[in-house]
Amino acid sequence: MSGPSTGLDYSHYVCFPDDGRRHEIIDGEHYVNPTTSTYHQTVSRRIQFELYTQIELRKLGQVFNAPVDLQLGNHNIVQPDIVVVLTENQHIITPTKIKGIPDMIIEILSPSSIENDQILKRRIYDSAGVPEYWIVDPLEHCVTQLVRGTHGFSEPTVHASQITTSILTDVSLDLNQVWGGKS
């Protein structure tokens, strides 16, 4: 959980307006994104439902959807689309936020978030030590899976029809169901 020693922190974050937009602090700087599209929300809900069914109902962990505050350090507070925290790491869940490194983070690309999700957040999640990161592209109908190796994230793997988590090898998603026949 490293980051810059100066810049905005959680005390600033809690003062941001509740205006329906996604406010985040990355490397001590304030980023704002507009609300997501209906298709983005549909894809998010379908992924969350599958993970909820396979993880939460089996009491293997918890699945959170946006908006949820994830504090990865003093100057990195983000709102991923979906966060998975396995049972053995439940201690990072507080009444107001997740404070620490979750087991998996999922970001769903929107036109306004592509650069942040693919570059900035990928770097932050990698340096924080997140075990697994999915970048979901709802327009291209694919998921880029990044899994922690000995020296950070390994080479990305792109999935179009089926994906299995690395954190729980018996949890997989049929991506055709996620896309819902949307073209």
Protein backbone atom coordinates (compact mmCIF):
# COMPACT_ATOMS: atom_id res chain seq x y z
CA MET A 1 0.00 0.00 0.00
CA SER A 2 2.43 2.59 -1.20
CA GLY A 3 1.85 5.96 -2.73
CA PRO A 4 3.00 9.52 -2.70
CA SER A 5 3.66 11.20 0.63
CA THR A 6 1.68 14.31 -0.32
CA GLY A 7 -1.60 15.05 -1.99
CA LEU A 8 -5.23 14.40 -1.23
CA ASP A 9 -6.13 11.63 1.23
CA TYR A 10 -9.22 10.06 2.80
CA SER A 11 -9.97 13.17 4.87
CA HIS A 12 -10.38 15.07 1.58
CA TYR A 13 -12.20 12.18 -0.10
CA VAL A 14 -15.07 12.15 2.40
CA CYS A 15 -15.71 15.83 1.60
CA PHE A 16 -16.38 15.25 -2.10
CA PRO A 17 -20.01 15.91 -3.07
CA ASP A 18 -22.53 13.09 -3.38
CA ASP A 19 -23.42 14.15 -6.90
CA GLY A 20 -23.91 10.81 -8.66
CA ARG A 21 -20.46 10.87 -10.24
CA ARG A 22 -17.56 8.59 -9.34
CA HIS A 23 -14.93 10.47 -7.30
CA GLU A 24 -11.56 8.82 -6.71
CA ILE A 25 -8.14 9.79 -5.42
CA ILE A 26 -5.26 8.24 -7.32
CA ASP A 27 -1.70 9.12 -6.36
CA GLY A 28 -3.11 11.99 -4.32
CA GLU A 29 -5.00 13.54 -7.25
CA HIS A 30 -8.77 13.88 -7.63
CA TYR A 31 -10.43 12.11 -10.59
CA VAL A 32 -14.11 12.34 -11.50
CA ASN A 33 -16.09 10.19 -13.93
CA PRO A 34 -19.74 10.52 -14.95
CA THR A 35 -22.34 7.91 -14.13
CA THR A 36 -22.20 4.71 -16.15
CA SER A 37 -24.39 3.64 -19.05
CA THR A 38 -27.28 1.21 -18.69
CA TYR A 39 -25.35 -1.49 -20.58
CA HIS A 40 -22.35 -0.99 -18.28
CA GLN A 41 -24.67 -1.45 -15.30
CA THR A 42 -26.24 -4.54 -16.89
CA VAL A 43 -22.85 -6.17 -17.48
CA SER A 44 -21.77 -5.29 -13.93
CA ARG A 45 -24.96 -6.74 -12.43
CA ARG A 46 -24.58 -9.99 -14.40
CA ILE A 47 -20.95 -10.45 -13.34
CA GLN A 48 -21.79 -9.61 -9.75
CA PHE A 49 -24.70 -12.07 -9.76
CA GLU A 50 -22.49 -14.90 -11.02
CA LEU A 51 -19.78 -14.12 -8.48
CA TYR A 52 -22.33 -13.71 -5.68
CA THR A 53 -23.86 -17.08 -6.54
CA GLN A 54 -20.52 -18.88 -6.70
CA ILE A 55 -18.66 -17.08 -3.89
CA GLU A 56 -21.05 -15.55 -1.35
CA LEU A 57 -23.69 -18.27 -1.37
CA ARG A 58 -20.92 -20.82 -0.76
CA LYS A 59 -19.59 -18.62 2.09
CA LEU A 60 -16.19 -18.24 0.40
CA GLY A 61 -16.16 -14.44 0.63
CA GLN A 62 -18.06 -11.28 -0.22
CA VAL A 63 -18.71 -9.52 -3.52
CA PHE A 64 -19.19 -5.74 -3.52
CA ASN A 65 -20.42 -3.57 -6.38
CA ALA A 66 -19.97 0.15 -6.99
CA PRO A 67 -20.15 2.42 -5.29
CA VAL A 68 -17.83 0.98 -2.66
CA ASP A 69 -14.81 2.85 -1.32
CA LEU A 70 -11.56 0.92 -1.55
CA GLN A 71 -8.62 2.49 0.27
CA LEU A 72 -5.34 1.02 -0.96
CA GLY A 73 -3.17 3.58 0.82
CA ASN A 74 -3.24 7.11 2.19
CA HIS A 75 -3.44 8.66 -1.28
CA ASN A 76 -5.25 5.94 -3.27
CA ILE A 77 -8.99 5.69 -2.70
CA VAL A 78 -10.92 4.22 -5.63
CA GLN A 79 -14.38 2.92 -6.47
CA PRO A 80 -13.98 -0.23 -8.57
CA ASP A 81 -17.03 -1.66 -10.31
CA ILE A 82 -16.73 -4.95 -8.40
CA VAL A 83 -14.51 -6.01 -5.48
CA VAL A 84 -14.11 -9.56 -4.12
CA VAL A 85 -12.83 -10.18 -0.60
CA LEU A 86 -12.39 -13.83 0.37
CA THR A 87 -13.33 -15.04 3.84
CA GLU A 88 -9.75 -15.17 5.13
CA ASN A 89 -9.37 -11.44 4.36
CA GLN A 90 -12.68 -10.18 5.79
CA HIS A 91 -10.74 -8.10 8.34
CA ILE A 92 -10.16 -5.42 5.64
CA ILE A 93 -13.92 -4.74 5.45
CA THR A 94 -14.91 -1.84 7.71
CA PRO A 95 -18.39 -0.39 8.23
CA THR A 96 -17.63 2.44 5.76
CA LYS A 97 -15.08 1.07 3.27
CA ILE A 98 -12.68 -1.67 2.32
CA LYS A 99 -9.26 -0.74 3.70
CA GLY A 100 -6.55 -2.98 2.35
CA ILE A 101 -5.86 -5.25 -0.57
CA PRO A 102 -8.87 -7.23 -1.82
CA ASP A 103 -8.51 -10.58 -3.57
CA MET A 104 -9.93 -9.42 -6.88
CA ILE A 105 -10.92 -6.15 -8.53
CA ILE A 106 -13.05 -5.77 -11.65
CA GLU A 107 -13.30 -2.59 -13.70
CA ILE A 108 -15.78 -2.29 -16.56
CA LEU A 109 -14.64 0.09 -19.28
CA SER A 110 -16.66 3.18 -20.11
CA PRO A 111 -15.63 5.77 -22.70
CA SER A 112 -14.61 8.13 -19.87
CA SER A 113 -12.65 5.51 -17.89
CA ILE A 114 -10.62 3.60 -20.50
CA GLU A 115 -7.27 5.26 -19.83
CA ASN A 116 -7.68 5.25 -16.05
CA ASP A 117 -8.74 1.58 -15.92
CA GLN A 118 -6.18 0.24 -18.40
CA ILE A 119 -3.16 2.28 -17.34
CA LEU A 120 -3.47 4.27 -14.12
CA LYS A 121 -5.54 1.88 -12.04
CA ARG A 122 -3.72 -1.14 -13.45
CA ARG A 123 -0.45 0.34 -12.16
CA ILE A 124 -1.98 1.20 -8.75
CA TYR A 125 -3.52 -2.28 -8.36
CA ASP A 126 -0.28 -3.94 -9.43
CA SER A 127 1.90 -1.92 -7.04
CA ALA A 128 -0.58 -2.50 -4.19
CA GLY A 129 -0.31 -6.28 -4.68
CA VAL A 130 -3.87 -7.07 -5.82
CA PRO A 131 -3.90 -10.81 -6.68
CA GLU A 132 -6.28 -10.57 -9.65
CA TYR A 133 -7.60 -7.75 -11.83
CA TRP A 134 -10.17 -8.00 -14.63
CA ILE A 135 -10.68 -5.26 -17.19
CA VAL A 136 -14.07 -5.86 -18.79
CA ASP A 137 -14.72 -4.39 -22.24
CA PRO A 138 -18.50 -4.52 -22.77
CA LEU A 139 -18.28 -3.16 -26.33
CA GLU A 140 -15.64 -5.63 -27.55
CA HIS A 141 -17.17 -8.45 -25.46
CA CYS A 142 -13.94 -9.53 -23.80
CA VAL A 143 -12.28 -9.60 -20.38
CA THR A 144 -8.58 -8.99 -19.85
CA GLN A 145 -7.41 -11.01 -16.85
CA LEU A 146 -4.28 -10.00 -14.95
CA VAL A 147 -3.00 -12.38 -12.29
CA ARG A 148 -0.28 -11.63 -9.75
CA GLY A 149 3.00 -13.40 -10.43
CA THR A 150 6.27 -13.22 -8.53
CA HIS A 151 7.10 -9.78 -9.99
CA GLY A 152 3.67 -8.19 -10.33
CA PHE A 153 0.92 -8.88 -12.82
CA SER A 154 1.74 -11.55 -15.38
CA GLU A 155 1.06 -11.08 -19.08
CA PRO A 156 -2.64 -10.34 -19.62
CA THR A 157 -4.93 -13.07 -20.90
CA VAL A 158 -7.96 -12.04 -22.95
CA HIS A 159 -11.16 -14.10 -22.64
CA ALA A 160 -14.22 -13.84 -24.87
CA SER A 161 -16.50 -16.74 -23.94
CA GLN A 162 -15.42 -18.22 -20.57
CA ILE A 163 -13.26 -17.01 -17.68
CA THR A 164 -12.13 -18.72 -14.47
CA THR A 165 -10.82 -16.80 -11.49
CA SER A 166 -7.30 -17.52 -10.31
CA ILE A 167 -8.25 -16.87 -6.68
CA LEU A 168 -10.85 -19.67 -6.72
CA THR A 169 -10.30 -22.10 -9.57
CA ASP A 170 -13.82 -23.52 -9.31
CA VAL A 171 -15.41 -20.10 -9.98
CA SER A 172 -15.99 -19.36 -13.66
CA LEU A 173 -18.27 -17.19 -15.75
CA ASP A 174 -19.92 -17.86 -19.08
CA LEU A 175 -19.24 -14.50 -20.72
CA ASN A 176 -21.90 -15.08 -23.36
CA GLN A 177 -24.42 -14.82 -20.51
CA VAL A 178 -22.73 -11.64 -19.30
CA TRP A 179 -22.96 -9.98 -22.72
CA GLY A 180 -26.60 -11.08 -23.02
CA GLY A 181 -26.49 -11.46 -26.79
CA LYS A 182 -25.74 -7.75 -27.10
CA SER A 183 -23.77 -6.80 -30.19
